[in-house]
Amino acid sequence: MENRLIYADRTLSDFQNIIDEYGWIVYEGALTPDFIDEINSDLAVAHVLRRDIQVKNGISANMDGTLHHLLERDNFALSFLDNMYCNEEIGWFLGGNYILNGINAVVHARQEHPYLSNMHRDVRTFMKETKLLVQMIVTLDDFTMNNGATYFLSGSHKVDVRPDEAYFYEHADRAIAPKGSIIMFNSNLWHAAGENKTNGLRRALTLGFTKPFFKQQMDYPRFLGYEFGKGLSPQLRQVIGYNARTPENLDEYYQPPHLRMYQRDQG
């Protein structure tokens, strides 16, 4: 079974079968070249701000090229989430409504070794049948063998066993994909960023989506503002987490159902 499809030709049944067998799937041709350029331009600005904070707070080691929490009012993120690539697939995987857990990026350059280069999986507790988190990589440059295309140990999402690292790198598949592709994968899958041996950058967005009761990496509704959220589309309010908030006082708690911070359809 091939796990590489054209985004426009995808079907839910393909996703169901491939994500079960391999644990990951590639959709080529998802983003337009213009949108990729817009994202990369925004990342250049975002990188400077985040790197300054990492250095100021003394946590810059091994974080070269890592950009966290890119959901802002005036960059690409709202447009990306309002389109919501793979919405049906994510909803199926998580069993209904879902929210954004994190929207981050990696700008991987030659001789940089961020923590993402270590073999890892992104959930600490293995729950084979209970799916809490699904992840997405958006390729903003071509992913090649030479520039560090991600390693995925296909099928490793099915068992609660940490693979030997030598075995991992000998048997893992590589996510070779052109820029503008979307890679979806089960959070139980063991994976690692490869080494960039070129003089160019390998840029990518990394997003996670969870069931609504799962705590977000950042309180995005509070960060953007509750008033700001009132002007967003229903799709954005759901994905960003406005329908799955925690009240901070009794007045917010004691509200009629349609005004409650945590809506009844969130599971």
Protein backbone atom coordinates (compact mmCIF):
# COMPACT_ATOMS: atom_id res chain seq x y z
CA MET A 1 0.00 0.00 0.00
CA GLU A 2 1.41 3.39 -1.03
CA ASN A 3 1.33 6.07 1.66
CA ARG A 4 1.88 9.05 -0.68
CA LEU A 5 -1.14 10.69 -2.29
CA ILE A 6 -2.05 13.90 -4.10
CA TYR A 7 -3.97 16.14 -1.69
CA ALA A 8 -6.82 16.83 -4.11
CA ASP A 9 -7.33 13.09 -4.68
CA ARG A 10 -7.40 12.03 -1.04
CA THR A 11 -10.26 10.01 0.44
CA LEU A 12 -11.10 9.30 4.06
CA SER A 13 -10.86 5.54 3.49
CA ASP A 14 -7.30 5.95 2.14
CA PHE A 15 -6.36 7.88 5.26
CA GLN A 16 -7.96 5.30 7.56
CA ASN A 17 -6.14 2.38 5.96
CA ILE A 18 -2.75 4.04 5.56
CA ILE A 19 -2.59 5.69 8.99
CA ASP A 20 -3.47 2.32 10.55
CA GLU A 21 -0.82 0.35 8.64
CA TYR A 22 2.08 2.83 8.47
CA GLY A 23 1.21 5.40 11.13
CA TRP A 24 1.92 8.26 8.68
CA ILE A 25 0.79 9.56 5.30
CA VAL A 26 2.02 12.19 2.82
CA TYR A 27 -0.30 14.45 0.83
CA GLU A 28 1.48 16.27 -1.98
CA GLY A 29 0.26 19.55 -3.49
CA ALA A 30 -1.70 20.83 -0.49
CA LEU A 31 -0.45 24.45 -0.27
CA THR A 32 -0.08 26.95 -3.10
CA PRO A 33 3.35 28.48 -3.85
CA ASP A 34 2.09 31.96 -2.89
CA PHE A 35 0.89 30.76 0.51
CA ILE A 36 4.20 28.99 1.13
CA ASP A 37 6.05 32.24 0.40
CA GLU A 38 3.77 34.13 2.82
CA ILE A 39 4.40 31.60 5.58
CA ASN A 40 8.16 31.64 5.07
CA SER A 41 8.19 35.44 5.17
CA ASP A 42 6.26 35.42 8.46
CA LEU A 43 8.62 32.80 9.91
CA ALA A 44 11.63 35.04 9.31
CA VAL A 45 10.07 37.72 11.53
CA ALA A 46 8.82 35.22 14.10
CA HIS A 47 12.24 33.59 14.38
CA VAL A 48 13.95 36.80 15.53
CA LEU A 49 11.41 37.44 18.30
CA ARG A 50 11.48 33.88 19.65
CA ARG A 51 15.24 33.51 19.48
CA ASP A 52 15.70 36.70 21.48
CA ILE A 53 13.40 35.35 24.22
CA GLN A 54 15.15 31.96 24.24
CA VAL A 55 18.52 33.66 24.70
CA LYS A 56 17.21 36.10 27.32
CA ASN A 57 15.77 33.27 29.41
CA GLY A 58 18.86 31.09 29.13
CA ILE A 59 17.28 28.22 27.18
CA SER A 60 18.83 28.74 23.75
CA ALA A 61 20.99 25.58 23.74
CA ASN A 62 19.73 22.93 21.29
CA MET A 63 16.79 25.13 20.27
CA ASP A 64 18.31 26.57 17.11
CA GLY A 65 15.61 27.07 14.50
CA THR A 66 12.67 26.10 16.72
CA LEU A 67 9.73 28.53 16.64
CA HIS A 68 6.84 27.87 19.00
CA HIS A 69 3.26 29.18 19.14
CA LEU A 70 2.88 30.96 15.84
CA LEU A 71 -0.83 31.67 16.23
CA GLU A 72 -0.97 35.47 16.07
CA ARG A 73 -3.58 37.97 14.88
CA ASP A 74 -1.65 39.29 11.90
CA ASN A 75 0.29 36.41 10.36
CA PHE A 76 -0.50 33.34 8.22
CA ALA A 77 -1.88 31.20 11.04
CA LEU A 78 -5.52 32.30 11.03
CA SER A 79 -5.78 31.76 7.28
CA PHE A 80 -4.18 28.34 7.58
CA LEU A 81 -6.51 27.21 10.36
CA ASP A 82 -9.61 28.69 8.75
CA ASN A 83 -8.91 26.54 5.69
CA MET A 84 -8.21 23.57 8.00
CA TYR A 85 -6.38 21.11 5.84
CA CYS A 86 -7.33 17.45 6.47
CA ASN A 87 -10.29 18.49 8.61
CA GLU A 88 -12.26 15.29 7.91
CA GLU A 89 -9.26 13.08 8.57
CA ILE A 90 -8.42 14.76 11.87
CA GLY A 91 -12.07 14.62 12.99
CA TRP A 92 -12.21 10.90 12.21
CA PHE A 93 -8.93 10.16 13.98
CA LEU A 94 -9.97 12.01 17.15
CA GLY A 95 -13.60 10.92 17.05
CA GLY A 96 -15.34 14.28 16.57
CA ASN A 97 -14.59 17.89 17.45
CA TYR A 98 -10.94 18.73 18.06
CA ILE A 99 -8.74 21.68 19.00
CA LEU A 100 -5.27 22.95 18.22
CA ASN A 101 -2.65 21.75 20.70
CA GLY A 102 0.25 23.68 19.20
CA ILE A 103 1.32 25.42 15.99
CA ASN A 104 5.09 25.59 15.71
CA ALA A 105 7.84 25.56 13.10
CA VAL A 106 11.36 24.31 12.54
CA VAL A 107 13.90 26.17 10.45
CA HIS A 108 16.55 23.48 10.08
CA ALA A 109 19.95 24.63 8.80
CA ARG A 110 23.27 22.88 8.24
CA GLN A 111 25.05 21.82 11.47
CA GLU A 112 22.11 22.70 13.67
CA HIS A 113 21.05 19.93 16.03
CA PRO A 114 17.80 20.86 17.78
CA TYR A 115 16.16 18.46 20.21
CA LEU A 116 13.83 17.33 17.40
CA SER A 117 16.78 15.46 15.88
CA ASN A 118 16.59 12.92 18.70
CA MET A 119 14.52 9.79 18.14
CA HIS A 120 11.25 10.37 19.98
CA ARG A 121 7.50 10.13 19.97
CA ASP A 122 5.27 12.95 21.12
CA VAL A 123 3.18 11.28 23.80
CA ARG A 124 4.69 9.82 26.94
CA THR A 125 1.85 7.41 27.69
CA PHE A 126 1.15 4.70 25.13
CA MET A 127 -2.57 4.20 24.50
CA LYS A 128 -3.00 2.20 21.30
CA GLU A 129 -6.78 2.36 20.99
CA THR A 130 -7.40 5.72 22.69
CA LYS A 131 -6.29 8.43 20.28
CA LEU A 132 -5.63 11.79 21.93
CA LEU A 133 -3.22 13.52 19.54
CA VAL A 134 -2.59 13.58 15.78
CA GLN A 135 0.21 15.57 14.21
CA MET A 136 0.85 17.44 11.00
CA ILE A 137 4.05 18.53 9.27
CA VAL A 138 3.76 21.11 6.48
CA THR A 139 6.79 21.12 4.19
CA LEU A 140 7.83 24.68 3.33
CA ASP A 141 10.89 23.46 1.42
CA ASP A 142 11.44 20.18 -0.40
CA PHE A 143 12.17 17.35 2.04
CA THR A 144 15.10 15.36 0.63
CA MET A 145 17.60 12.76 1.83
CA ASN A 146 20.35 15.41 1.85
CA ASN A 147 18.52 18.14 3.79
CA GLY A 148 17.18 15.95 6.58
CA ALA A 149 13.77 14.56 5.64
CA THR A 150 12.06 13.18 8.74
CA TYR A 151 12.64 9.57 9.79
CA PHE A 152 9.48 7.55 10.53
CA LEU A 153 9.63 3.98 11.86
CA SER A 154 6.54 2.73 10.05
CA GLY A 155 4.25 0.60 12.20
CA SER A 156 5.91 1.56 15.49
CA HIS A 157 2.68 3.24 16.61
CA LYS A 158 1.18 -0.21 17.23
CA VAL A 159 3.41 -1.40 20.08
CA ASP A 160 4.59 0.04 23.39
CA VAL A 161 8.27 -0.62 22.75
CA ARG A 162 11.05 1.94 22.46
CA PRO A 163 13.16 0.83 19.50
CA ASP A 164 16.91 0.52 19.72
CA GLU A 165 18.36 3.64 18.07
CA ALA A 166 20.62 1.65 15.74
CA TYR A 167 17.60 -0.39 14.63
CA PHE A 168 15.55 2.78 14.23
CA TYR A 169 17.96 4.50 11.87
CA GLU A 170 18.56 1.29 9.89
CA HIS A 171 14.86 0.51 9.33
CA ALA A 172 13.06 3.88 9.44
CA ASP A 173 11.51 5.29 6.26
CA ARG A 174 12.18 8.85 5.12
CA ALA A 175 9.45 11.42 4.43
CA ILE A 176 10.71 12.54 1.02
CA ALA A 177 8.18 15.15 -0.15
CA PRO A 178 8.05 18.33 -2.23
CA LYS A 179 7.36 21.66 -0.56
CA GLY A 180 3.69 22.34 -0.04
CA SER A 181 3.02 18.80 1.18
CA ILE A 182 1.23 17.78 4.37
CA ILE A 183 2.45 14.83 6.42
CA MET A 184 -0.02 13.46 8.97
CA PHE A 185 1.10 10.98 11.62
CA ASN A 186 -0.05 9.11 14.69
CA SER A 187 1.52 10.61 17.82
CA ASN A 188 2.59 7.12 18.99
CA LEU A 189 4.93 6.82 15.99
CA TRP A 190 8.68 6.95 16.67
CA HIS A 191 10.34 9.58 14.49
CA ALA A 192 13.25 12.01 14.26
CA ALA A 193 14.40 14.93 12.16
CA GLY A 194 17.25 14.11 9.83
CA GLU A 195 20.53 16.00 9.43
CA ASN A 196 20.63 18.84 6.94
CA LYS A 197 23.82 18.35 4.92
CA THR A 198 23.09 21.16 2.45
CA ASN A 199 23.68 24.91 2.55
CA GLY A 200 19.96 25.65 2.29
CA LEU A 201 17.21 25.72 4.90
CA ARG A 202 14.65 22.99 5.48
CA ARG A 203 11.60 24.78 6.87
CA ALA A 204 8.40 23.18 8.10
CA LEU A 205 5.35 23.85 10.22
CA THR A 206 4.59 21.32 12.95
CA LEU A 207 1.07 21.20 14.36
CA GLY A 208 -0.74 18.99 16.84
CA PHE A 209 -4.50 18.48 17.23
CA THR A 210 -6.23 16.87 20.20
CA LYS A 211 -9.57 16.03 21.68
CA PRO A 212 -11.03 19.24 23.19
CA PHE A 213 -10.48 18.27 26.84
CA PHE A 214 -6.71 17.97 26.28
CA LYS A 215 -4.75 20.93 27.65
CA GLN A 216 -3.23 23.17 24.96
CA GLN A 217 0.49 23.98 24.95
CA MET A 218 -0.55 27.64 25.19
CA ASP A 219 -3.89 29.17 26.11
CA TYR A 220 -4.55 30.47 22.60
CA PRO A 221 -8.01 31.97 23.28
CA ARG A 222 -6.66 33.98 26.22
CA PHE A 223 -3.55 34.95 24.22
CA LEU A 224 -5.60 36.25 21.29
CA GLY A 225 -8.31 37.68 23.54
CA TYR A 226 -11.87 36.60 24.23
CA GLU A 227 -13.29 39.68 22.49
CA PHE A 228 -11.15 38.97 19.43
CA GLY A 229 -12.63 35.49 19.27
CA LYS A 230 -16.16 36.81 18.86
CA GLY A 231 -15.30 38.00 15.35
CA LEU A 232 -13.87 34.68 14.17
CA SER A 233 -15.61 32.09 12.03
CA PRO A 234 -17.20 29.08 13.77
CA GLN A 235 -14.40 26.92 12.30
CA LEU A 236 -11.68 29.09 13.84
CA ARG A 237 -13.44 29.36 17.20
CA GLN A 238 -13.61 25.57 17.38
CA VAL A 239 -10.07 24.77 16.28
CA ILE A 240 -8.38 27.51 18.30
CA GLY A 241 -10.18 26.34 21.44
CA TYR A 242 -12.77 29.02 22.17
CA ASN A 243 -15.41 26.32 22.69
CA ALA A 244 -13.29 24.39 25.21
CA ARG A 245 -12.13 26.98 27.73
CA THR A 246 -11.92 26.74 31.52
CA PRO A 247 -13.88 29.34 33.53
CA GLU A 248 -11.80 31.39 35.95
CA ASN A 249 -14.60 32.61 38.25
CA LEU A 250 -18.14 31.75 39.29
CA ASP A 251 -19.73 34.27 36.94
CA GLU A 252 -18.10 32.56 33.97
CA TYR A 253 -19.11 29.16 35.35
CA TYR A 254 -22.79 29.92 35.98
CA GLN A 255 -23.94 30.64 32.44
CA PRO A 256 -26.73 29.30 30.20
CA PRO A 257 -25.54 26.41 27.98
CA HIS A 258 -24.91 28.47 24.82
CA LEU A 259 -22.65 30.89 26.73
CA ARG A 260 -20.62 28.37 28.73
CA MET A 261 -16.85 28.39 28.40
CA TYR A 262 -16.82 24.63 27.69
CA GLN A 263 -19.51 23.76 25.19
CA ARG A 264 -21.50 20.53 25.50
CA ASP A 265 -20.47 19.23 22.04
CA GLN A 266 -16.77 19.09 22.93
CA GLY A 267 -16.83 15.56 24.34
